[in-house]
Amino acid sequence: MQGEELLFAGIPGRHGSKARQVRVRFSEERVAPRFDTSTGTIELWYPHRDHPEVQALLNSKRNRFCYFWQTRESGHTHAWLLSSP
């Protein structure tokens, strides 16, 4: 926890992955996920800390995974937060 955001350190899940951490921020405004190539950070926004996906991330004792997808032209992005079964 850093102020009003959560920061999770991690390791790449597969060869060629560049992500090293996930930053979760809170904002009522809808903001698309993005990837900061200079820091290797996937940045996600949720409306509030009590959002079900955020709570599942915080409460899970299992391994957590974050996948980030971006079109070649960088116009569209999507991210998924998952935990192992």
PDB file of N, CA and C in Angstrom:
ATOM      1  N   MET A   1       0.850  -1.186   0.000  1.00  0.00           N
ATOM      2  CA  MET A   1       0.000   0.000   0.000  1.00  0.00           C
ATOM      3  C   MET A   1       0.884   1.234   0.000  1.00  0.00           C
ATOM      4  N   GLN A   2       0.643   2.111  -0.946  1.00  0.00           N
ATOM      5  CA  GLN A   2       1.339   3.392  -1.010  1.00  0.00           C
ATOM      6  C   GLN A   2       0.275   4.468  -1.160  1.00  0.00           C
ATOM      7  N   GLY A   3      -0.056   5.157  -0.080  1.00  0.00           N
ATOM      8  CA  GLY A   3      -1.107   6.175  -0.156  1.00  0.00           C
ATOM      9  C   GLY A   3      -2.429   5.548  -0.541  1.00  0.00           C
ATOM     10  N   GLU A   4      -2.983   5.983  -1.635  1.00  0.00           N
ATOM     11  CA  GLU A   4      -4.268   5.476  -2.118  1.00  0.00           C
ATOM     12  C   GLU A   4      -4.103   4.492  -3.272  1.00  0.00           C
ATOM     13  N   GLU A   5      -3.009   3.762  -3.290  1.00  0.00           N
ATOM     14  CA  GLU A   5      -2.805   2.772  -4.326  1.00  0.00           C
ATOM     15  C   GLU A   5      -2.160   1.527  -3.738  1.00  0.00           C
ATOM     16  N   LEU A   6      -2.298   0.428  -4.454  1.00  0.00           N
ATOM     17  CA  LEU A   6      -1.692  -0.843  -4.066  1.00  0.00           C
ATOM     18  C   LEU A   6      -0.612  -1.166  -5.081  1.00  0.00           C
ATOM     19  N   LEU A   7       0.512  -1.662  -4.614  1.00  0.00           N
ATOM     20  CA  LEU A   7       1.604  -2.013  -5.500  1.00  0.00           C
ATOM     21  C   LEU A   7       2.023  -3.448  -5.204  1.00  0.00           C
ATOM     22  N   PHE A   8       1.991  -4.287  -6.232  1.00  0.00           N
ATOM     23  CA  PHE A   8       2.350  -5.694  -6.109  1.00  0.00           C
ATOM     24  C   PHE A   8       3.586  -5.971  -6.953  1.00  0.00           C
ATOM     25  N   ALA A   9       4.629  -6.490  -6.343  1.00  0.00           N
ATOM     26  CA  ALA A   9       5.826  -6.892  -7.070  1.00  0.00           C
ATOM     27  C   ALA A   9       5.623  -8.312  -7.573  1.00  0.00           C
ATOM     28  N   GLY A  10       6.254  -8.635  -8.681  1.00  0.00           N
ATOM     29  CA  GLY A  10       6.096  -9.970  -9.221  1.00  0.00           C
ATOM     30  C   GLY A  10       7.251 -10.353 -10.119  1.00  0.00           C
ATOM     31  N   ILE A  11       7.099 -11.504 -10.718  1.00  0.00           N
ATOM     32  CA  ILE A  11       8.084 -11.993 -11.670  1.00  0.00           C
ATOM     33  C   ILE A  11       7.333 -12.346 -12.950  1.00  0.00           C
ATOM     34  N   PRO A  12       7.990 -12.246 -14.096  1.00  0.00           N
ATOM     35  CA  PRO A  12       7.327 -12.587 -15.357  1.00  0.00           C
ATOM     36  C   PRO A  12       6.863 -14.037 -15.346  1.00  0.00           C
ATOM     37  N   GLY A  13       5.676 -14.264 -15.860  1.00  0.00           N
ATOM     38  CA  GLY A  13       5.109 -15.604 -15.877  1.00  0.00           C
ATOM     39  C   GLY A  13       5.557 -16.448 -17.043  1.00  0.00           C
ATOM     40  N   ARG A  14       6.172 -15.819 -18.043  1.00  0.00           N
ATOM     41  CA  ARG A  14       6.642 -16.580 -19.197  1.00  0.00           C
ATOM     42  C   ARG A  14       7.790 -15.835 -19.859  1.00  0.00           C
ATOM     43  N   HIS A  15       8.525 -16.533 -20.674  1.00  0.00           N
ATOM     44  CA  HIS A  15       9.661 -15.945 -21.375  1.00  0.00           C
ATOM     45  C   HIS A  15       9.173 -14.798 -22.269  1.00  0.00           C
ATOM     46  N   GLY A  16       9.836 -13.701 -22.223  1.00  0.00           N
ATOM     47  CA  GLY A  16       9.468 -12.559 -23.051  1.00  0.00           C
ATOM     48  C   GLY A  16       8.581 -11.550 -22.351  1.00  0.00           C
ATOM     49  N   SER A  17       8.034 -11.899 -21.197  1.00  0.00           N
ATOM     50  CA  SER A  17       7.209 -10.958 -20.443  1.00  0.00           C
ATOM     51  C   SER A  17       8.075  -9.842 -19.892  1.00  0.00           C
ATOM     52  N   LYS A  18       7.520  -8.643 -19.869  1.00  0.00           N
ATOM     53  CA  LYS A  18       8.277  -7.487 -19.405  1.00  0.00           C
ATOM     54  C   LYS A  18       7.738  -6.911 -18.105  1.00  0.00           C
ATOM     55  N   ALA A  19       6.578  -7.345 -17.677  1.00  0.00           N
ATOM     56  CA  ALA A  19       5.964  -6.801 -16.465  1.00  0.00           C
ATOM     57  C   ALA A  19       6.702  -7.275 -15.222  1.00  0.00           C
ATOM     58  N   ARG A  20       6.920  -6.350 -14.296  1.00  0.00           N
ATOM     59  CA  ARG A  20       7.596  -6.652 -13.040  1.00  0.00           C
ATOM     60  C   ARG A  20       6.740  -6.301 -11.828  1.00  0.00           C
ATOM     61  N   GLN A  21       5.696  -5.511 -12.042  1.00  0.00           N
ATOM     62  CA  GLN A  21       4.816  -5.141 -10.933  1.00  0.00           C
ATOM     63  C   GLN A  21       3.461  -4.693 -11.464  1.00  0.00           C
ATOM     64  N   VAL A  22       2.482  -4.685 -10.547  1.00  0.00           N
ATOM     65  CA  VAL A  22       1.130  -4.222 -10.858  1.00  0.00           C
ATOM     66  C   VAL A  22       0.781  -3.124  -9.861  1.00  0.00           C
ATOM     67  N   ARG A  23       0.321  -1.999 -10.375  1.00  0.00           N
ATOM     68  CA  ARG A  23      -0.114  -0.880  -9.527  1.00  0.00           C
ATOM     69  C   ARG A  23      -1.629  -0.737  -9.699  1.00  0.00           C
ATOM     70  N   VAL A  24      -2.338  -0.791  -8.576  1.00  0.00           N
ATOM     71  CA  VAL A  24      -3.803  -0.631  -8.578  1.00  0.00           C
ATOM     72  C   VAL A  24      -4.111   0.729  -7.966  1.00  0.00           C
ATOM     73  N   ARG A  25      -4.806   1.550  -8.729  1.00  0.00           N
ATOM     74  CA  ARG A  25      -5.202   2.883  -8.267  1.00  0.00           C
ATOM     75  C   ARG A  25      -6.716   2.969  -8.248  1.00  0.00           C
ATOM     76  N   PHE A  26      -7.229   3.958  -7.525  1.00  0.00           N
ATOM     77  CA  PHE A  26      -8.676   4.093  -7.370  1.00  0.00           C
ATOM     78  C   PHE A  26      -9.126   5.448  -7.903  1.00  0.00           C
ATOM     79  N   SER A  27     -10.147   5.396  -8.769  1.00  0.00           N
ATOM     80  CA  SER A  27     -10.683   6.607  -9.376  1.00  0.00           C
ATOM     81  C   SER A  27     -12.095   6.324  -9.852  1.00  0.00           C
ATOM     82  N   GLU A  28     -12.995   7.254  -9.648  1.00  0.00           N
ATOM     83  CA  GLU A  28     -14.369   7.103 -10.139  1.00  0.00           C
ATOM     84  C   GLU A  28     -14.412   7.210 -11.661  1.00  0.00           C
ATOM     85  N   GLU A  29     -13.434   7.883 -12.227  1.00  0.00           N
ATOM     86  CA  GLU A  29     -13.354   8.024 -13.681  1.00  0.00           C
ATOM     87  C   GLU A  29     -12.863   6.712 -14.285  1.00  0.00           C
ATOM     88  N   ARG A  30     -13.470   6.298 -15.395  1.00  0.00           N
ATOM     89  CA  ARG A  30     -13.025   5.067 -16.069  1.00  0.00           C
ATOM     90  C   ARG A  30     -11.719   5.343 -16.800  1.00  0.00           C
ATOM     91  N   VAL A  31     -10.694   4.612 -16.421  1.00  0.00           N
ATOM     92  CA  VAL A  31      -9.379   4.761 -17.037  1.00  0.00           C
ATOM     93  C   VAL A  31      -8.954   3.397 -17.563  1.00  0.00           C
ATOM     94  N   ALA A  32      -8.521   3.352 -18.808  1.00  0.00           N
ATOM     95  CA  ALA A  32      -8.087   2.084 -19.404  1.00  0.00           C
ATOM     96  C   ALA A  32      -6.775   1.630 -18.774  1.00  0.00           C
ATOM     97  N   PRO A  33      -6.585   0.323 -18.639  1.00  0.00           N
ATOM     98  CA  PRO A  33      -5.306  -0.170 -18.115  1.00  0.00           C
ATOM     99  C   PRO A  33      -4.179   0.228 -19.064  1.00  0.00           C
ATOM    100  N   ARG A  34      -2.983   0.351 -18.515  1.00  0.00           N
ATOM    101  CA  ARG A  34      -1.838   0.681 -19.364  1.00  0.00           C
ATOM    102  C   ARG A  34      -0.592  -0.001 -18.822  1.00  0.00           C
ATOM    103  N   PHE A  35       0.409  -0.042 -19.672  1.00  0.00           N
ATOM    104  CA  PHE A  35       1.685  -0.650 -19.307  1.00  0.00           C
ATOM    105  C   PHE A  35       2.780   0.384 -19.447  1.00  0.00           C
ATOM    106  N   ASP A  36       3.509   0.632 -18.368  1.00  0.00           N
ATOM    107  CA  ASP A  36       4.629   1.568 -18.361  1.00  0.00           C
ATOM    108  C   ASP A  36       5.888   0.765 -18.662  1.00  0.00           C
ATOM    109  N   THR A  37       6.395   0.893 -19.881  1.00  0.00           N
ATOM    110  CA  THR A  37       7.553   0.098 -20.295  1.00  0.00           C
ATOM    111  C   THR A  37       8.825   0.496 -19.561  1.00  0.00           C
ATOM    112  N   SER A  38       8.917   1.738 -19.096  1.00  0.00           N
ATOM    113  CA  SER A  38      10.145   2.176 -18.421  1.00  0.00           C
ATOM    114  C   SER A  38      10.304   1.530 -17.042  1.00  0.00           C
ATOM    115  N   THR A  39       9.194   1.197 -16.388  1.00  0.00           N
ATOM    116  CA  THR A  39       9.267   0.582 -15.054  1.00  0.00           C
ATOM    117  C   THR A  39       8.786  -0.866 -15.042  1.00  0.00           C
ATOM    118  N   GLY A  40       8.222  -1.333 -16.151  1.00  0.00           N
ATOM    119  CA  GLY A  40       7.674  -2.684 -16.189  1.00  0.00           C
ATOM    120  C   GLY A  40       6.422  -2.820 -15.336  1.00  0.00           C
ATOM    121  N   THR A  41       5.617  -1.743 -15.263  1.00  0.00           N
ATOM    122  CA  THR A  41       4.448  -1.724 -14.387  1.00  0.00           C
ATOM    123  C   THR A  41       3.142  -1.757 -15.176  1.00  0.00           C
ATOM    124  N   ILE A  42       2.274  -2.712 -14.832  1.00  0.00           N
ATOM    125  CA  ILE A  42       0.906  -2.725 -15.340  1.00  0.00           C
ATOM    126  C   ILE A  42       0.098  -1.851 -14.395  1.00  0.00           C
ATOM    127  N   GLU A  43      -0.607  -0.862 -14.933  1.00  0.00           N
ATOM    128  CA  GLU A  43      -1.386   0.062 -14.117  1.00  0.00           C
ATOM    129  C   GLU A  43      -2.874  -0.182 -14.348  1.00  0.00           C
ATOM    130  N   LEU A  44      -3.591  -0.411 -13.252  1.00  0.00           N
ATOM    131  CA  LEU A  44      -5.024  -0.686 -13.292  1.00  0.00           C
ATOM    132  C   LEU A  44      -5.761   0.323 -12.426  1.00  0.00           C
ATOM    133  N   TRP A  45      -6.988   0.648 -12.808  1.00  0.00           N
ATOM    134  CA  TRP A  45      -7.825   1.560 -12.032  1.00  0.00           C
ATOM    135  C   TRP A  45      -9.154   0.888 -11.710  1.00  0.00           C
ATOM    136  N   TYR A  46      -9.602   1.075 -10.489  1.00  0.00           N
ATOM    137  CA  TYR A  46     -10.899   0.585 -10.029  1.00  0.00           C
ATOM    138  C   TYR A  46     -11.614   1.734  -9.344  1.00  0.00           C
ATOM    139  N   PRO A  47     -12.957   1.697  -9.309  1.00  0.00           N
ATOM    140  CA  PRO A  47     -13.699   2.809  -8.711  1.00  0.00           C
ATOM    141  C   PRO A  47     -13.499   2.941  -7.204  1.00  0.00           C
ATOM    142  N   HIS A  48     -13.246   1.836  -6.501  1.00  0.00           N
ATOM    143  CA  HIS A  48     -13.063   1.891  -5.054  1.00  0.00           C
ATOM    144  C   HIS A  48     -12.375   0.623  -4.568  1.00  0.00           C
ATOM    145  N   ARG A  49     -11.813   0.698  -3.388  1.00  0.00           N
ATOM    146  CA  ARG A  49     -11.064  -0.423  -2.818  1.00  0.00           C
ATOM    147  C   ARG A  49     -11.952  -1.634  -2.538  1.00  0.00           C
ATOM    148  N   ASP A  50     -13.242  -1.431  -2.329  1.00  0.00           N
ATOM    149  CA  ASP A  50     -14.159  -2.534  -2.036  1.00  0.00           C
ATOM    150  C   ASP A  50     -14.644  -3.262  -3.287  1.00  0.00           C
ATOM    151  N   HIS A  51     -14.142  -2.902  -4.454  1.00  0.00           N
ATOM    152  CA  HIS A  51     -14.530  -3.566  -5.700  1.00  0.00           C
ATOM    153  C   HIS A  51     -14.227  -5.062  -5.557  1.00  0.00           C
ATOM    154  N   PRO A  52     -15.114  -5.943  -6.011  1.00  0.00           N
ATOM    155  CA  PRO A  52     -14.923  -7.398  -5.833  1.00  0.00           C
ATOM    156  C   PRO A  52     -13.584  -7.927  -6.362  1.00  0.00           C
ATOM    157  N   GLU A  53     -13.113  -7.439  -7.503  1.00  0.00           N
ATOM    158  CA  GLU A  53     -11.837  -7.920  -8.035  1.00  0.00           C
ATOM    159  C   GLU A  53     -10.671  -7.510  -7.141  1.00  0.00           C
ATOM    160  N   VAL A  54     -10.741  -6.305  -6.581  1.00  0.00           N
ATOM    161  CA  VAL A  54      -9.683  -5.843  -5.678  1.00  0.00           C
ATOM    162  C   VAL A  54      -9.709  -6.663  -4.392  1.00  0.00           C
ATOM    163  N   GLN A  55     -10.882  -6.910  -3.849  1.00  0.00           N
ATOM    164  CA  GLN A  55     -10.981  -7.699  -2.617  1.00  0.00           C
ATOM    165  C   GLN A  55     -10.495  -9.132  -2.839  1.00  0.00           C
ATOM    166  N   ALA A  56     -10.815  -9.710  -3.977  1.00  0.00           N
ATOM    167  CA  ALA A  56     -10.337 -11.062  -4.281  1.00  0.00           C
ATOM    168  C   ALA A  56      -8.814 -11.077  -4.369  1.00  0.00           C
ATOM    169  N   LEU A  57      -8.243 -10.037  -4.933  1.00  0.00           N
ATOM    170  CA  LEU A  57      -6.788  -9.936  -5.027  1.00  0.00           C
ATOM    171  C   LEU A  57      -6.154  -9.832  -3.651  1.00  0.00           C
ATOM    172  N   LEU A  58      -6.753  -9.042  -2.778  1.00  0.00           N
ATOM    173  CA  LEU A  58      -6.203  -8.837  -1.435  1.00  0.00           C
ATOM    174  C   LEU A  58      -6.410 -10.038  -0.525  1.00  0.00           C
ATOM    175  N   ASN A  59      -7.532 -10.725  -0.652  1.00  0.00           N
ATOM    176  CA  ASN A  59      -7.880 -11.801   0.266  1.00  0.00           C
ATOM    177  C   ASN A  59      -7.357 -13.175  -0.142  1.00  0.00           C
ATOM    178  N   SER A  60      -6.992 -13.332  -1.385  1.00  0.00           N
ATOM    179  CA  SER A  60      -6.549 -14.637  -1.870  1.00  0.00           C
ATOM    180  C   SER A  60      -5.182 -14.988  -1.298  1.00  0.00           C
ATOM    181  N   LYS A  61      -5.047 -16.218  -0.855  1.00  0.00           N
ATOM    182  CA  LYS A  61      -3.758 -16.733  -0.383  1.00  0.00           C
ATOM    183  C   LYS A  61      -3.047 -17.494  -1.504  1.00  0.00           C
ATOM    184  N   ARG A  62      -3.671 -17.532  -2.653  1.00  0.00           N
ATOM    185  CA  ARG A  62      -3.118 -18.259  -3.789  1.00  0.00           C
ATOM    186  C   ARG A  62      -2.204 -17.357  -4.607  1.00  0.00           C
ATOM    187  N   ASN A  63      -1.531 -17.963  -5.594  1.00  0.00           N
ATOM    188  CA  ASN A  63      -0.733 -17.170  -6.518  1.00  0.00           C
ATOM    189  C   ASN A  63      -1.658 -16.275  -7.326  1.00  0.00           C
ATOM    190  N   ARG A  64      -1.194 -15.080  -7.620  1.00  0.00           N
ATOM    191  CA  ARG A  64      -1.991 -14.123  -8.388  1.00  0.00           C
ATOM    192  C   ARG A  64      -1.294 -13.858  -9.714  1.00  0.00           C
ATOM    193  N   PHE A  65      -2.098 -13.632 -10.745  1.00  0.00           N
ATOM    194  CA  PHE A  65      -1.579 -13.381 -12.076  1.00  0.00           C
ATOM    195  C   PHE A  65      -2.270 -12.162 -12.660  1.00  0.00           C
ATOM    196  N   CYS A  66      -1.525 -11.381 -13.425  1.00  0.00           N
ATOM    197  CA  CYS A  66      -2.111 -10.258 -14.135  1.00  0.00           C
ATOM    198  C   CYS A  66      -1.650 -10.359 -15.584  1.00  0.00           C
ATOM    199  N   TYR A  67      -2.609 -10.387 -16.477  1.00  0.00           N
ATOM    200  CA  TYR A  67      -2.317 -10.419 -17.906  1.00  0.00           C
ATOM    201  C   TYR A  67      -2.698  -9.077 -18.499  1.00  0.00           C
ATOM    202  N   PHE A  68      -1.857  -8.590 -19.392  1.00  0.00           N
ATOM    203  CA  PHE A  68      -2.100  -7.312 -20.040  1.00  0.00           C
ATOM    204  C   PHE A  68      -2.052  -7.527 -21.545  1.00  0.00           C
ATOM    205  N   TRP A  69      -3.029  -6.963 -22.240  1.00  0.00           N
ATOM    206  CA  TRP A  69      -3.117  -7.088 -23.691  1.00  0.00           C
ATOM    207  C   TRP A  69      -3.238  -5.692 -24.284  1.00  0.00           C
ATOM    208  N   GLN A  70      -2.542  -5.464 -25.387  1.00  0.00           N
ATOM    209  CA  GLN A  70      -2.576  -4.167 -26.054  1.00  0.00           C
ATOM    210  C   GLN A  70      -2.521  -4.387 -27.562  1.00  0.00           C
ATOM    211  N   THR A  71      -3.333  -3.642 -28.318  1.00  0.00           N
ATOM    212  CA  THR A  71      -3.277  -3.769 -29.773  1.00  0.00           C
ATOM    213  C   THR A  71      -1.943  -3.225 -30.268  1.00  0.00           C
ATOM    214  N   ARG A  72      -1.574  -3.638 -31.437  1.00  0.00           N
ATOM    215  CA  ARG A  72      -0.300  -3.209 -32.010  1.00  0.00           C
ATOM    216  C   ARG A  72      -0.228  -1.684 -32.108  1.00  0.00           C
ATOM    217  N   GLU A  73      -1.327  -1.043 -32.405  1.00  0.00           N
ATOM    218  CA  GLU A  73      -1.362   0.415 -32.543  1.00  0.00           C
ATOM    219  C   GLU A  73      -1.534   1.109 -31.189  1.00  0.00           C
ATOM    220  N   SER A  74      -1.607   0.353 -30.106  1.00  0.00           N
ATOM    221  CA  SER A  74      -1.760   0.871 -28.737  1.00  0.00           C
ATOM    222  C   SER A  74      -3.080   1.585 -28.505  1.00  0.00           C
ATOM    223  N   GLY A  75      -4.044   1.381 -29.355  1.00  0.00           N
ATOM    224  CA  GLY A  75      -5.331   2.049 -29.198  1.00  0.00           C
ATOM    225  C   GLY A  75      -6.251   1.384 -28.185  1.00  0.00           C
ATOM    226  N   HIS A  76      -6.128   0.084 -28.001  1.00  0.00           N
ATOM    227  CA  HIS A  76      -7.004  -0.638 -27.094  1.00  0.00           C
ATOM    228  C   HIS A  76      -6.170  -1.506 -26.148  1.00  0.00           C
ATOM    229  N   THR A  77      -6.591  -1.525 -24.890  1.00  0.00           N
ATOM    230  CA  THR A  77      -5.908  -2.348 -23.896  1.00  0.00           C
ATOM    231  C   THR A  77      -6.945  -3.092 -23.063  1.00  0.00           C
ATOM    232  N   HIS A  78      -6.482  -4.166 -22.465  1.00  0.00           N
ATOM    233  CA  HIS A  78      -7.318  -4.918 -21.533  1.00  0.00           C
ATOM    234  C   HIS A  78      -6.384  -5.628 -20.550  1.00  0.00           C
ATOM    235  N   ALA A  79      -6.833  -5.760 -19.314  1.00  0.00           N
ATOM    236  CA  ALA A  79      -6.038  -6.463 -18.310  1.00  0.00           C
ATOM    237  C   ALA A  79      -6.948  -7.395 -17.521  1.00  0.00           C
ATOM    238  N   TRP A  80      -6.394  -8.515 -17.075  1.00  0.00           N
ATOM    239  CA  TRP A  80      -7.128  -9.487 -16.275  1.00  0.00           C
ATOM    240  C   TRP A  80      -6.348  -9.749 -15.004  1.00  0.00           C
ATOM    241  N   LEU A  81      -7.042  -9.771 -13.880  1.00  0.00           N
ATOM    242  CA  LEU A  81      -6.460 -10.194 -12.608  1.00  0.00           C
ATOM    243  C   LEU A  81      -7.024 -11.559 -12.288  1.00  0.00           C
ATOM    244  N   LEU A  82      -6.166 -12.514 -12.029  1.00  0.00           N
ATOM    245  CA  LEU A  82      -6.594 -13.889 -11.768  1.00  0.00           C
ATOM    246  C   LEU A  82      -5.837 -14.436 -10.566  1.00  0.00           C
ATOM    247  N   SER A  83      -6.405 -15.457  -9.940  1.00  0.00           N
ATOM    248  CA  SER A  83      -5.665 -16.189  -8.919  1.00  0.00           C
ATOM    249  C   SER A  83      -5.695 -17.657  -9.286  1.00  0.00           C
ATOM    250  N   SER A  84      -4.687 -18.402  -8.826  1.00  0.00           N
ATOM    251  CA  SER A  84      -4.589 -19.820  -9.178  1.00  0.00           C
ATOM    252  C   SER A  84      -5.724 -20.595  -8.527  1.00  0.00           C
ATOM    253  N   PRO A  85      -6.119 -21.714  -9.146  1.00  0.00           N
ATOM    254  CA  PRO A  85      -7.225 -22.526  -8.575  1.00  0.00           C
ATOM    255  C   PRO A  85      -6.844 -23.204  -7.279  1.00  0.00           C
TER     256      PRO A  85
END
